[in-house]
């Protein structure tokens, strides 16, 4: 069992075969989630999507360490993809009002829910 340092709560939403874990955490009495990734050695890296106003919540991770999830801003709910390098790319499906990235497989195909 582990917690993100300084977190009020943390959840493990996804795990790889190599025991790399990703999920959201909250801190400072706020209900706004932030993302984290915990490597197999126990090192934790936290992250937020730039411009997110209602939080960053990882939902899935593949064996390469690519994370997908959701974040919110003034424009609605968006999906994101976080590469192992730390680069984050927004995912918006044309014609949908909200995009939620729910899972990613080893080759990199992303499961998503369109609302």
PDB file of N, CA and C in Angstrom:
ATOM      1  N   UNK A   1       0.840  -1.161   0.000  1.00  0.00           N
ATOM      2  CA  UNK A   1       0.000   0.000   0.000  1.00  0.00           C
ATOM      3  C   UNK A   1       0.898   1.241   0.000  1.00  0.00           C
ATOM      4  N   UNK A   2       0.439   2.310  -0.678  1.00  0.00           N
ATOM      5  CA  UNK A   2       1.221   3.537  -0.751  1.00  0.00           C
ATOM      6  C   UNK A   2       0.285   4.721  -0.895  1.00  0.00           C
ATOM      7  N   UNK A   3       0.791   5.878  -0.605  1.00  0.00           N
ATOM      8  CA  UNK A   3       0.073   7.134  -0.819  1.00  0.00           C
ATOM      9  C   UNK A   3       1.023   8.112  -1.480  1.00  0.00           C
ATOM     10  N   UNK A   4       0.476   9.001  -2.268  1.00  0.00           N
ATOM     11  CA  UNK A   4       1.254  10.094  -2.826  1.00  0.00           C
ATOM     12  C   UNK A   4       1.579  11.038  -1.670  1.00  0.00           C
ATOM     13  N   UNK A   5       2.824  11.463  -1.552  1.00  0.00           N
ATOM     14  CA  UNK A   5       3.238  12.345  -0.455  1.00  0.00           C
ATOM     15  C   UNK A   5       2.356  13.592  -0.406  1.00  0.00           C
ATOM     16  N   UNK A   6       1.815  13.894   0.758  1.00  0.00           N
ATOM     17  CA  UNK A   6       0.985  15.073   0.937  1.00  0.00           C
ATOM     18  C   UNK A   6      -0.448  14.925   0.465  1.00  0.00           C
ATOM     19  N   UNK A   7      -0.814  13.749  -0.012  1.00  0.00           N
ATOM     20  CA  UNK A   7      -2.169  13.544  -0.538  1.00  0.00           C
ATOM     21  C   UNK A   7      -3.168  13.307   0.589  1.00  0.00           C
ATOM     22  N   UNK A   8      -4.379  13.834   0.397  1.00  0.00           N
ATOM     23  CA  UNK A   8      -5.487  13.509   1.293  1.00  0.00           C
ATOM     24  C   UNK A   8      -6.025  12.127   0.953  1.00  0.00           C
ATOM     25  N   UNK A   9      -6.042  11.824  -0.339  1.00  0.00           N
ATOM     26  CA  UNK A   9      -6.472  10.507  -0.805  1.00  0.00           C
ATOM     27  C   UNK A   9      -5.805  10.219  -2.140  1.00  0.00           C
ATOM     28  N   UNK A  10      -5.637   8.944  -2.438  1.00  0.00           N
ATOM     29  CA  UNK A  10      -5.104   8.547  -3.742  1.00  0.00           C
ATOM     30  C   UNK A  10      -5.750   7.232  -4.145  1.00  0.00           C
ATOM     31  N   UNK A  11      -5.956   7.064  -5.433  1.00  0.00           N
ATOM     32  CA  UNK A  11      -6.565   5.859  -5.984  1.00  0.00           C
ATOM     33  C   UNK A  11      -5.664   5.285  -7.061  1.00  0.00           C
ATOM     34  N   UNK A  12      -5.605   3.978  -7.143  1.00  0.00           N
ATOM     35  CA  UNK A  12      -4.867   3.295  -8.206  1.00  0.00           C
ATOM     36  C   UNK A  12      -5.895   2.835  -9.236  1.00  0.00           C
ATOM     37  N   UNK A  13      -5.925   3.467 -10.402  1.00  0.00           N
ATOM     38  CA  UNK A  13      -6.901   3.128 -11.442  1.00  0.00           C
ATOM     39  C   UNK A  13      -6.358   2.181 -12.494  1.00  0.00           C
ATOM     40  N   UNK A  14      -5.028   2.087 -12.611  1.00  0.00           N
ATOM     41  CA  UNK A  14      -4.450   1.252 -13.666  1.00  0.00           C
ATOM     42  C   UNK A  14      -3.079   0.749 -13.242  1.00  0.00           C
ATOM     43  N   UNK A  15      -2.725  -0.457 -13.712  1.00  0.00           N
ATOM     44  CA  UNK A  15      -1.424  -1.040 -13.387  1.00  0.00           C
ATOM     45  C   UNK A  15      -0.923  -1.833 -14.587  1.00  0.00           C
ATOM     46  N   UNK A  16       0.380  -1.806 -14.797  1.00  0.00           N
ATOM     47  CA  UNK A  16       0.991  -2.554 -15.891  1.00  0.00           C
ATOM     48  C   UNK A  16       1.486  -3.903 -15.384  1.00  0.00           C
ATOM     49  N   UNK A  17       1.938  -4.736 -16.314  1.00  0.00           N
ATOM     50  CA  UNK A  17       2.526  -6.024 -15.942  1.00  0.00           C
ATOM     51  C   UNK A  17       3.817  -5.846 -15.142  1.00  0.00           C
ATOM     52  N   UNK A  18       4.436  -4.683 -15.262  1.00  0.00           N
ATOM     53  CA  UNK A  18       5.681  -4.397 -14.538  1.00  0.00           C
ATOM     54  C   UNK A  18       5.432  -3.657 -13.224  1.00  0.00           C
ATOM     55  N   UNK A  19       4.185  -3.626 -12.776  1.00  0.00           N
ATOM     56  CA  UNK A  19       3.780  -3.004 -11.511  1.00  0.00           C
ATOM     57  C   UNK A  19       3.928  -1.488 -11.494  1.00  0.00           C
ATOM     58  N   UNK A  20       3.810  -0.851 -12.657  1.00  0.00           N
ATOM     59  CA  UNK A  20       3.750   0.604 -12.730  1.00  0.00           C
ATOM     60  C   UNK A  20       2.276   0.976 -12.565  1.00  0.00           C
ATOM     61  N   UNK A  21       2.010   1.918 -11.662  1.00  0.00           N
ATOM     62  CA  UNK A  21       0.641   2.264 -11.297  1.00  0.00           C
ATOM     63  C   UNK A  21       0.351   3.714 -11.660  1.00  0.00           C
ATOM     64  N   UNK A  22      -0.882   3.982 -12.102  1.00  0.00           N
ATOM     65  CA  UNK A  22      -1.318   5.349 -12.386  1.00  0.00           C
ATOM     66  C   UNK A  22      -2.696   5.569 -11.789  1.00  0.00           C
ATOM     67  N   UNK A  23      -2.952   6.805 -11.410  1.00  0.00           N
ATOM     68  CA  UNK A  23      -4.259   7.141 -10.865  1.00  0.00           C
ATOM     69  C   UNK A  23      -4.317   8.592 -10.437  1.00  0.00           C
ATOM     70  N   UNK A  24      -5.436   8.989  -9.826  1.00  0.00           N
ATOM     71  CA  UNK A  24      -5.600  10.353  -9.336  1.00  0.00           C
ATOM     72  C   UNK A  24      -5.378  10.434  -7.820  1.00  0.00           C
ATOM     73  N   UNK A  25      -5.063  11.623  -7.373  1.00  0.00           N
ATOM     74  CA  UNK A  25      -4.990  11.904  -5.934  1.00  0.00           C
ATOM     75  C   UNK A  25      -5.527  13.305  -5.687  1.00  0.00           C
ATOM     76  N   UNK A  26      -5.914  13.572  -4.457  1.00  0.00           N
ATOM     77  CA  UNK A  26      -6.329  14.916  -4.048  1.00  0.00           C
ATOM     78  C   UNK A  26      -5.458  15.352  -2.877  1.00  0.00           C
ATOM     79  N   UNK A  27      -5.359  16.673  -2.698  1.00  0.00           N
ATOM     80  CA  UNK A  27      -4.551  17.202  -1.602  1.00  0.00           C
ATOM     81  C   UNK A  27      -5.090  18.542  -1.140  1.00  0.00           C
ATOM     82  N   UNK A  28      -4.596  18.987   0.006  1.00  0.00           N
ATOM     83  CA  UNK A  28      -4.931  20.299   0.570  1.00  0.00           C
ATOM     84  C   UNK A  28      -6.423  20.513   0.775  1.00  0.00           C
ATOM     85  N   UNK A  29      -7.157  19.443   1.084  1.00  0.00           N
ATOM     86  CA  UNK A  29      -8.588  19.553   1.346  1.00  0.00           C
ATOM     87  C   UNK A  29      -9.430  19.834   0.116  1.00  0.00           C
ATOM     88  N   UNK A  30      -8.848  19.754  -1.050  1.00  0.00           N
ATOM     89  CA  UNK A  30      -9.565  20.018  -2.305  1.00  0.00           C
ATOM     90  C   UNK A  30     -10.043  18.705  -2.914  1.00  0.00           C
ATOM     91  N   UNK A  31     -11.158  18.745  -3.592  1.00  0.00           N
ATOM     92  CA  UNK A  31     -11.658  17.570  -4.308  1.00  0.00           C
ATOM     93  C   UNK A  31     -11.188  17.530  -5.752  1.00  0.00           C
ATOM     94  N   UNK A  32     -10.321  18.449  -6.142  1.00  0.00           N
ATOM     95  CA  UNK A  32      -9.816  18.490  -7.520  1.00  0.00           C
ATOM     96  C   UNK A  32      -8.689  17.472  -7.653  1.00  0.00           C
ATOM     97  N   UNK A  33      -8.852  16.502  -8.574  1.00  0.00           N
ATOM     98  CA  UNK A  33      -7.826  15.464  -8.716  1.00  0.00           C
ATOM     99  C   UNK A  33      -6.610  15.923  -9.521  1.00  0.00           C
ATOM    100  N   UNK A  34      -5.495  15.290  -9.212  1.00  0.00           N
ATOM    101  CA  UNK A  34      -4.240  15.444  -9.931  1.00  0.00           C
ATOM    102  C   UNK A  34      -3.778  14.041 -10.316  1.00  0.00           C
ATOM    103  N   UNK A  35      -2.928  13.927 -11.305  1.00  0.00           N
ATOM    104  CA  UNK A  35      -2.456  12.618 -11.732  1.00  0.00           C
ATOM    105  C   UNK A  35      -1.135  12.236 -11.104  1.00  0.00           C
ATOM    106  N   UNK A  36      -0.912  10.921 -11.008  1.00  0.00           N
ATOM    107  CA  UNK A  36       0.390  10.423 -10.583  1.00  0.00           C
ATOM    108  C   UNK A  36       0.710   9.139 -11.334  1.00  0.00           C
ATOM    109  N   UNK A  37       2.009   8.843 -11.397  1.00  0.00           N
ATOM    110  CA  UNK A  37       2.495   7.566 -11.896  1.00  0.00           C
ATOM    111  C   UNK A  37       3.536   7.087 -10.883  1.00  0.00           C
ATOM    112  N   UNK A  38       3.425   5.825 -10.487  1.00  0.00           N
ATOM    113  CA  UNK A  38       4.361   5.214  -9.529  1.00  0.00           C
ATOM    114  C   UNK A  38       5.093   4.101 -10.251  1.00  0.00           C
ATOM    115  N   UNK A  39       6.431   4.218 -10.337  1.00  0.00           N
ATOM    116  CA  UNK A  39       7.185   3.195 -11.051  1.00  0.00           C
ATOM    117  C   UNK A  39       7.372   1.951 -10.176  1.00  0.00           C
ATOM    118  N   UNK A  40       7.948   0.917 -10.744  1.00  0.00           N
ATOM    119  CA  UNK A  40       8.098  -0.366 -10.050  1.00  0.00           C
ATOM    120  C   UNK A  40       9.014  -0.267  -8.833  1.00  0.00           C
ATOM    121  N   UNK A  41       9.842   0.771  -8.755  1.00  0.00           N
ATOM    122  CA  UNK A  41      10.720   0.964  -7.606  1.00  0.00           C
ATOM    123  C   UNK A  41      10.066   1.803  -6.505  1.00  0.00           C
ATOM    124  N   UNK A  42       8.863   2.301  -6.779  1.00  0.00           N
ATOM    125  CA  UNK A  42       8.150   3.104  -5.787  1.00  0.00           C
ATOM    126  C   UNK A  42       8.293   4.602  -5.956  1.00  0.00           C
ATOM    127  N   UNK A  43       9.008   5.050  -6.978  1.00  0.00           N
ATOM    128  CA  UNK A  43       9.157   6.487  -7.237  1.00  0.00           C
ATOM    129  C   UNK A  43       7.861   7.033  -7.819  1.00  0.00           C
ATOM    130  N   UNK A  44       7.378   8.138  -7.274  1.00  0.00           N
ATOM    131  CA  UNK A  44       6.113   8.725  -7.713  1.00  0.00           C
ATOM    132  C   UNK A  44       6.368  10.064  -8.394  1.00  0.00           C
ATOM    133  N   UNK A  45       5.763  10.227  -9.577  1.00  0.00           N
ATOM    134  CA  UNK A  45       5.790  11.480 -10.315  1.00  0.00           C
ATOM    135  C   UNK A  45       4.356  11.974 -10.420  1.00  0.00           C
ATOM    136  N   UNK A  46       4.124  13.219 -10.038  1.00  0.00           N
ATOM    137  CA  UNK A  46       2.782  13.799 -10.138  1.00  0.00           C
ATOM    138  C   UNK A  46       2.711  14.693 -11.370  1.00  0.00           C
ATOM    139  N   UNK A  47       1.498  14.887 -11.879  1.00  0.00           N
ATOM    140  CA  UNK A  47       1.338  15.734 -13.067  1.00  0.00           C
ATOM    141  C   UNK A  47      -0.082  16.257 -13.173  1.00  0.00           C
ATOM    142  N   UNK A  48      -0.230  17.339 -13.906  1.00  0.00           N
ATOM    143  CA  UNK A  48      -1.522  17.929 -14.259  1.00  0.00           C
ATOM    144  C   UNK A  48      -1.472  18.317 -15.724  1.00  0.00           C
ATOM    145  N   UNK A  49      -2.604  18.241 -16.383  1.00  0.00           N
ATOM    146  CA  UNK A  49      -2.710  18.751 -17.749  1.00  0.00           C
ATOM    147  C   UNK A  49      -2.700  20.281 -17.647  1.00  0.00           C
ATOM    148  N   UNK A  50      -1.841  20.928 -18.409  1.00  0.00           N
ATOM    149  CA  UNK A  50      -1.762  22.383 -18.398  1.00  0.00           C
ATOM    150  C   UNK A  50      -3.121  22.975 -18.768  1.00  0.00           C
ATOM    151  N   UNK A  51      -3.606  23.897 -17.962  1.00  0.00           N
ATOM    152  CA  UNK A  51      -4.885  24.549 -18.223  1.00  0.00           C
ATOM    153  C   UNK A  51      -6.090  23.846 -17.617  1.00  0.00           C
ATOM    154  N   UNK A  52      -5.880  22.679 -17.014  1.00  0.00           N
ATOM    155  CA  UNK A  52      -6.996  21.969 -16.385  1.00  0.00           C
ATOM    156  C   UNK A  52      -7.491  22.774 -15.183  1.00  0.00           C
ATOM    157  N   UNK A  53      -8.796  22.986 -15.125  1.00  0.00           N
ATOM    158  CA  UNK A  53      -9.373  23.736 -14.011  1.00  0.00           C
ATOM    159  C   UNK A  53     -10.204  22.855 -13.083  1.00  0.00           C
ATOM    160  N   UNK A  54     -10.663  21.732 -13.588  1.00  0.00           N
ATOM    161  CA  UNK A  54     -11.455  20.846 -12.726  1.00  0.00           C
ATOM    162  C   UNK A  54     -10.772  19.502 -12.536  1.00  0.00           C
ATOM    163  N   UNK A  55      -9.477  19.457 -12.752  1.00  0.00           N
ATOM    164  CA  UNK A  55      -8.704  18.282 -12.408  1.00  0.00           C
ATOM    165  C   UNK A  55      -8.173  17.463 -13.555  1.00  0.00           C
ATOM    166  N   UNK A  56      -7.233  16.571 -13.199  1.00  0.00           N
ATOM    167  CA  UNK A  56      -6.581  15.633 -14.102  1.00  0.00           C
ATOM    168  C   UNK A  56      -6.745  14.254 -13.495  1.00  0.00           C
ATOM    169  N   UNK A  57      -7.360  13.331 -14.230  1.00  0.00           N
ATOM    170  CA  UNK A  57      -7.621  12.008 -13.665  1.00  0.00           C
ATOM    171  C   UNK A  57      -7.202  10.907 -14.641  1.00  0.00           C
ATOM    172  N   UNK A  58      -6.078  10.238 -14.375  1.00  0.00           N
ATOM    173  CA  UNK A  58      -5.658   9.106 -15.208  1.00  0.00           C
ATOM    174  C   UNK A  58      -6.629   7.939 -15.083  1.00  0.00           C
ATOM    175  N   UNK A  59      -6.906   7.274 -16.189  1.00  0.00           N
ATOM    176  CA  UNK A  59      -7.799   6.119 -16.201  1.00  0.00           C
ATOM    177  C   UNK A  59      -7.122   4.830 -16.639  1.00  0.00           C
ATOM    178  N   UNK A  60      -6.079   4.927 -17.450  1.00  0.00           N
ATOM    179  CA  UNK A  60      -5.446   3.729 -17.988  1.00  0.00           C
ATOM    180  C   UNK A  60      -3.976   3.943 -18.258  1.00  0.00           C
ATOM    181  N   UNK A  61      -3.228   2.834 -18.288  1.00  0.00           N
ATOM    182  CA  UNK A  61      -1.803   2.875 -18.605  1.00  0.00           C
ATOM    183  C   UNK A  61      -1.461   1.597 -19.361  1.00  0.00           C
ATOM    184  N   UNK A  62      -0.576   1.697 -20.347  1.00  0.00           N
ATOM    185  CA  UNK A  62      -0.138   0.476 -21.040  1.00  0.00           C
ATOM    186  C   UNK A  62       1.270   0.102 -20.587  1.00  0.00           C
ATOM    187  N   UNK A  63       1.783  -1.009 -21.083  1.00  0.00           N
ATOM    188  CA  UNK A  63       3.082  -1.508 -20.642  1.00  0.00           C
ATOM    189  C   UNK A  63       4.255  -0.627 -21.066  1.00  0.00           C
ATOM    190  N   UNK A  64       4.016   0.337 -21.945  1.00  0.00           N
ATOM    191  CA  UNK A  64       5.061   1.284 -22.333  1.00  0.00           C
ATOM    192  C   UNK A  64       5.101   2.482 -21.393  1.00  0.00           C
ATOM    193  N   UNK A  65       4.089   2.604 -20.505  1.00  0.00           N
ATOM    194  CA  UNK A  65       4.014   3.733 -19.579  1.00  0.00           C
ATOM    195  C   UNK A  65       3.230   4.906 -20.115  1.00  0.00           C
ATOM    196  N   UNK A  66       2.506   4.715 -21.213  1.00  0.00           N
ATOM    197  CA  UNK A  66       1.643   5.761 -21.751  1.00  0.00           C
ATOM    198  C   UNK A  66       0.339   5.760 -20.973  1.00  0.00           C
ATOM    199  N   UNK A  67      -0.056   6.928 -20.488  1.00  0.00           N
ATOM    200  CA  UNK A  67      -1.247   7.070 -19.654  1.00  0.00           C
ATOM    201  C   UNK A  67      -2.323   7.817 -20.420  1.00  0.00           C
ATOM    202  N   UNK A  68      -3.583   7.404 -20.240  1.00  0.00           N
ATOM    203  CA  UNK A  68      -4.721   8.153 -20.762  1.00  0.00           C
ATOM    204  C   UNK A  68      -5.665   8.477 -19.611  1.00  0.00           C
ATOM    205  N   UNK A  69      -6.463   9.528 -19.805  1.00  0.00           N
ATOM    206  CA  UNK A  69      -7.412   9.915 -18.772  1.00  0.00           C
ATOM    207  C   UNK A  69      -8.241  11.090 -19.217  1.00  0.00           C
ATOM    208  N   UNK A  70      -8.780  11.802 -18.227  1.00  0.00           N
ATOM    209  CA  UNK A  70      -9.646  12.947 -18.515  1.00  0.00           C
ATOM    210  C   UNK A  70      -9.193  14.161 -17.718  1.00  0.00           C
ATOM    211  N   UNK A  71      -9.543  15.323 -18.243  1.00  0.00           N
ATOM    212  CA  UNK A  71      -9.364  16.579 -17.523  1.00  0.00           C
ATOM    213  C   UNK A  71     -10.473  17.517 -17.928  1.00  0.00           C
ATOM    214  N   UNK A  72     -10.699  18.516 -17.118  1.00  0.00           N
ATOM    215  CA  UNK A  72     -11.736  19.489 -17.427  1.00  0.00           C
ATOM    216  C   UNK A  72     -11.188  20.896 -17.442  1.00  0.00           C
ATOM    217  N   UNK A  73     -11.809  21.724 -18.284  1.00  0.00           N
ATOM    218  CA  UNK A  73     -11.508  23.146 -18.322  1.00  0.00           C
ATOM    219  C   UNK A  73     -12.785  23.877 -18.706  1.00  0.00           C
ATOM    220  N   UNK A  74     -12.683  25.152 -18.973  1.00  0.00           N
ATOM    221  CA  UNK A  74     -13.869  25.951 -19.300  1.00  0.00           C
ATOM    222  C   UNK A  74     -14.588  25.431 -20.538  1.00  0.00           C
ATOM    223  N   UNK A  75     -13.892  24.704 -21.404  1.00  0.00           N
ATOM    224  CA  UNK A  75     -14.477  24.183 -22.633  1.00  0.00           C
ATOM    225  C   UNK A  75     -15.156  22.832 -22.476  1.00  0.00           C
ATOM    226  N   UNK A  76     -15.077  22.209 -21.300  1.00  0.00           N
ATOM    227  CA  UNK A  76     -15.724  20.910 -21.086  1.00  0.00           C
ATOM    228  C   UNK A  76     -14.761  19.852 -20.591  1.00  0.00           C
ATOM    229  N   UNK A  77     -15.096  18.622 -20.903  1.00  0.00           N
ATOM    230  CA  UNK A  77     -14.287  17.468 -20.510  1.00  0.00           C
ATOM    231  C   UNK A  77     -13.524  16.968 -21.721  1.00  0.00           C
ATOM    232  N   UNK A  78     -12.246  16.705 -21.530  1.00  0.00           N
ATOM    233  CA  UNK A  78     -11.379  16.286 -22.617  1.00  0.00           C
ATOM    234  C   UNK A  78     -10.600  15.042 -22.202  1.00  0.00           C
ATOM    235  N   UNK A  79     -10.187  14.262 -23.168  1.00  0.00           N
ATOM    236  CA  UNK A  79      -9.278  13.176 -22.896  1.00  0.00           C
ATOM    237  C   UNK A  79      -7.853  13.676 -23.008  1.00  0.00           C
ATOM    238  N   UNK A  80      -6.926  12.938 -22.406  1.00  0.00           N
ATOM    239  CA  UNK A  80      -5.511  13.257 -22.584  1.00  0.00           C
ATOM    240  C   UNK A  80      -4.710  11.980 -22.718  1.00  0.00           C
ATOM    241  N   UNK A  81      -3.552  12.117 -23.329  1.00  0.00           N
ATOM    242  CA  UNK A  81      -2.569  11.051 -23.441  1.00  0.00           C
ATOM    243  C   UNK A  81      -1.260  11.622 -22.904  1.00  0.00           C
ATOM    244  N   UNK A  82      -0.677  10.935 -21.919  1.00  0.00           N
ATOM    245  CA  UNK A  82       0.624  11.355 -21.359  1.00  0.00           C
ATOM    246  C   UNK A  82       1.665  10.337 -21.780  1.00  0.00           C
ATOM    247  N   UNK A  83       2.634  10.792 -22.542  1.00  0.00           N
ATOM    248  CA  UNK A  83       3.705   9.917 -23.010  1.00  0.00           C
ATOM    249  C   UNK A  83       4.697   9.644 -21.868  1.00  0.00           C
ATOM    250  N   UNK A  84       5.480   8.560 -21.951  1.00  0.00           N
ATOM    251  CA  UNK A  84       6.474   8.281 -20.913  1.00  0.00           C
ATOM    252  C   UNK A  84       7.465   9.436 -20.703  1.00  0.00           C
ATOM    253  N   UNK A  85       7.666  10.252 -21.720  1.00  0.00           N
ATOM    254  CA  UNK A  85       8.562  11.416 -21.610  1.00  0.00           C
ATOM    255  C   UNK A  85       7.963  12.524 -20.752  1.00  0.00           C
ATOM    256  N   UNK A  86       6.659  12.442 -20.471  1.00  0.00           N
ATOM    257  CA  UNK A  86       5.961  13.475 -19.711  1.00  0.00           C
ATOM    258  C   UNK A  86       5.146  14.412 -20.575  1.00  0.00           C
ATOM    259  N   UNK A  87       5.327  14.350 -21.903  1.00  0.00           N
ATOM    260  CA  UNK A  87       4.556  15.211 -22.808  1.00  0.00           C
ATOM    261  C   UNK A  87       3.086  14.788 -22.772  1.00  0.00           C
ATOM    262  N   UNK A  88       2.195  15.766 -22.654  1.00  0.00           N
ATOM    263  CA  UNK A  88       0.758  15.499 -22.591  1.00  0.00           C
ATOM    264  C   UNK A  88       0.079  16.084 -23.820  1.00  0.00           C
ATOM    265  N   UNK A  89      -0.779  15.263 -24.442  1.00  0.00           N
ATOM    266  CA  UNK A  89      -1.524  15.662 -25.628  1.00  0.00           C
ATOM    267  C   UNK A  89      -3.010  15.565 -25.313  1.00  0.00           C
ATOM    268  N   UNK A  90      -3.762  16.606 -25.662  1.00  0.00           N
ATOM    269  CA  UNK A  90      -5.206  16.601 -25.470  1.00  0.00           C
ATOM    270  C   UNK A  90      -5.876  15.748 -26.538  1.00  0.00           C
ATOM    271  N   UNK A  91      -6.950  15.067 -26.163  1.00  0.00           N
ATOM    272  CA  UNK A  91      -7.710  14.243 -27.103  1.00  0.00           C
ATOM    273  C   UNK A  91      -9.144  14.759 -27.136  1.00  0.00           C
ATOM    274  N   UNK A  92      -9.583  15.252 -28.275  1.00  0.00           N
ATOM    275  CA  UNK A  92     -10.958  15.691 -28.471  1.00  0.00           C
ATOM    276  C   UNK A  92     -11.474  15.071 -29.750  1.00  0.00           C
ATOM    277  N   UNK A  93     -12.561  14.341 -29.647  1.00  0.00           N
ATOM    278  CA  UNK A  93     -13.164  13.726 -30.821  1.00  0.00           C
ATOM    279  C   UNK A  93     -14.115  14.733 -31.462  1.00  0.00           C
ATOM    280  N   UNK A  94     -13.938  14.977 -32.752  1.00  0.00           N
ATOM    281  CA  UNK A  94     -14.764  15.947 -33.478  1.00  0.00           C
ATOM    282  C   UNK A  94     -16.240  15.592 -33.350  1.00  0.00           C
ATOM    283  N   UNK A  95     -17.048  16.594 -33.063  1.00  0.00           N
ATOM    284  CA  UNK A  95     -18.488  16.404 -32.988  1.00  0.00           C
ATOM    285  C   UNK A  95     -19.003  15.992 -31.621  1.00  0.00           C
ATOM    286  N   UNK A  96     -18.115  15.713 -30.667  1.00  0.00           N
ATOM    287  CA  UNK A  96     -18.588  15.330 -29.332  1.00  0.00           C
ATOM    288  C   UNK A  96     -18.431  16.518 -28.385  1.00  0.00           C
ATOM    289  N   UNK A  97     -19.310  16.598 -27.400  1.00  0.00           N
ATOM    290  CA  UNK A  97     -19.220  17.684 -26.436  1.00  0.00           C
ATOM    291  C   UNK A  97     -18.257  17.341 -25.301  1.00  0.00           C
ATOM    292  N   UNK A  98     -18.012  16.046 -25.088  1.00  0.00           N
ATOM    293  CA  UNK A  98     -17.076  15.586 -24.068  1.00  0.00           C
ATOM    294  C   UNK A  98     -16.369  14.338 -24.576  1.00  0.00           C
ATOM    295  N   UNK A  99     -15.081  14.247 -24.313  1.00  0.00           N
ATOM    296  CA  UNK A  99     -14.307  13.059 -24.665  1.00  0.00           C
ATOM    297  C   UNK A  99     -13.662  12.520 -23.397  1.00  0.00           C
ATOM    298  N   UNK A 100     -13.836  11.235 -23.144  1.00  0.00           N
ATOM    299  CA  UNK A 100     -13.260  10.594 -21.965  1.00  0.00           C
ATOM    300  C   UNK A 100     -12.398   9.428 -22.437  1.00  0.00           C
ATOM    301  N   UNK A 101     -11.090   9.513 -22.243  1.00  0.00           N
ATOM    302  CA  UNK A 101     -10.193   8.412 -22.594  1.00  0.00           C
ATOM    303  C   UNK A 101     -10.182   7.443 -21.417  1.00  0.00           C
ATOM    304  N   UNK A 102     -10.609   6.199 -21.663  1.00  0.00           N
ATOM    305  CA  UNK A 102     -10.822   5.253 -20.567  1.00  0.00           C
ATOM    306  C   UNK A 102      -9.748   4.187 -20.431  1.00  0.00           C
ATOM    307  N   UNK A 103      -9.066   3.837 -21.512  1.00  0.00           N
ATOM    308  CA  UNK A 103      -8.080   2.757 -21.465  1.00  0.00           C
ATOM    309  C   UNK A 103      -7.160   2.861 -22.668  1.00  0.00           C
ATOM    310  N   UNK A 104      -5.981   2.217 -22.558  1.00  0.00           N
ATOM    311  CA  UNK A 104      -5.041   2.158 -23.667  1.00  0.00           C
ATOM    312  C   UNK A 104      -4.384   0.781 -23.660  1.00  0.00           C
ATOM    313  N   UNK A 105      -4.289   0.169 -24.851  1.00  0.00           N
ATOM    314  CA  UNK A 105      -3.656  -1.151 -24.912  1.00  0.00           C
ATOM    315  C   UNK A 105      -2.177  -1.009 -25.274  1.00  0.00           C
ATOM    316  N   UNK A 106      -1.476  -2.119 -25.315  1.00  0.00           N
ATOM    317  CA  UNK A 106      -0.033  -2.100 -25.562  1.00  0.00           C
ATOM    318  C   UNK A 106       0.336  -1.424 -26.880  1.00  0.00           C
ATOM    319  N   UNK A 107      -0.392  -1.713 -28.005  1.00  0.00           N
ATOM    320  CA  UNK A 107      -0.044  -1.025 -29.252  1.00  0.00           C
ATOM    321  C   UNK A 107      -0.401   0.467 -29.252  1.00  0.00           C
ATOM    322  N   UNK A 108      -1.228   0.909 -28.297  1.00  0.00           N
ATOM    323  CA  UNK A 108      -1.552   2.327 -28.216  1.00  0.00           C
ATOM    324  C   UNK A 108      -2.944   2.699 -28.648  1.00  0.00           C
ATOM    325  N   UNK A 109      -3.829   1.724 -28.884  1.00  0.00           N
ATOM    326  CA  UNK A 109      -5.218   2.055 -29.207  1.00  0.00           C
ATOM    327  C   UNK A 109      -5.916   2.515 -27.933  1.00  0.00           C
ATOM    328  N   UNK A 110      -6.695   3.590 -28.042  1.00  0.00           N
ATOM    329  CA  UNK A 110      -7.328   4.202 -26.880  1.00  0.00           C
ATOM    330  C   UNK A 110      -8.818   3.908 -26.896  1.00  0.00           C
ATOM    331  N   UNK A 111      -9.321   3.438 -25.763  1.00  0.00           N
ATOM    332  CA  UNK A 111     -10.762   3.290 -25.584  1.00  0.00           C
ATOM    333  C   UNK A 111     -11.310   4.628 -25.135  1.00  0.00           C
ATOM    334  N   UNK A 112     -12.475   5.009 -25.659  1.00  0.00           N
ATOM    335  CA  UNK A 112     -13.020   6.313 -25.291  1.00  0.00           C
ATOM    336  C   UNK A 112     -14.533   6.279 -25.274  1.00  0.00           C
ATOM    337  N   UNK A 113     -15.078   7.196 -24.528  1.00  0.00           N
ATOM    338  CA  UNK A 113     -16.506   7.361 -24.411  1.00  0.00           C
ATOM    339  C   UNK A 113     -16.833   8.737 -24.934  1.00  0.00           C
ATOM    340  N   UNK A 114     -17.762   8.820 -25.869  1.00  0.00           N
ATOM    341  CA  UNK A 114     -18.170  10.097 -26.436  1.00  0.00           C
ATOM    342  C   UNK A 114     -19.539  10.460 -25.884  1.00  0.00           C
ATOM    343  N   UNK A 115     -19.670  11.675 -25.407  1.00  0.00           N
ATOM    344  CA  UNK A 115     -20.937  12.142 -24.853  1.00  0.00           C
ATOM    345  C   UNK A 115     -21.441  13.324 -25.629  1.00  0.00           C
TER     346      UNK A 115
END
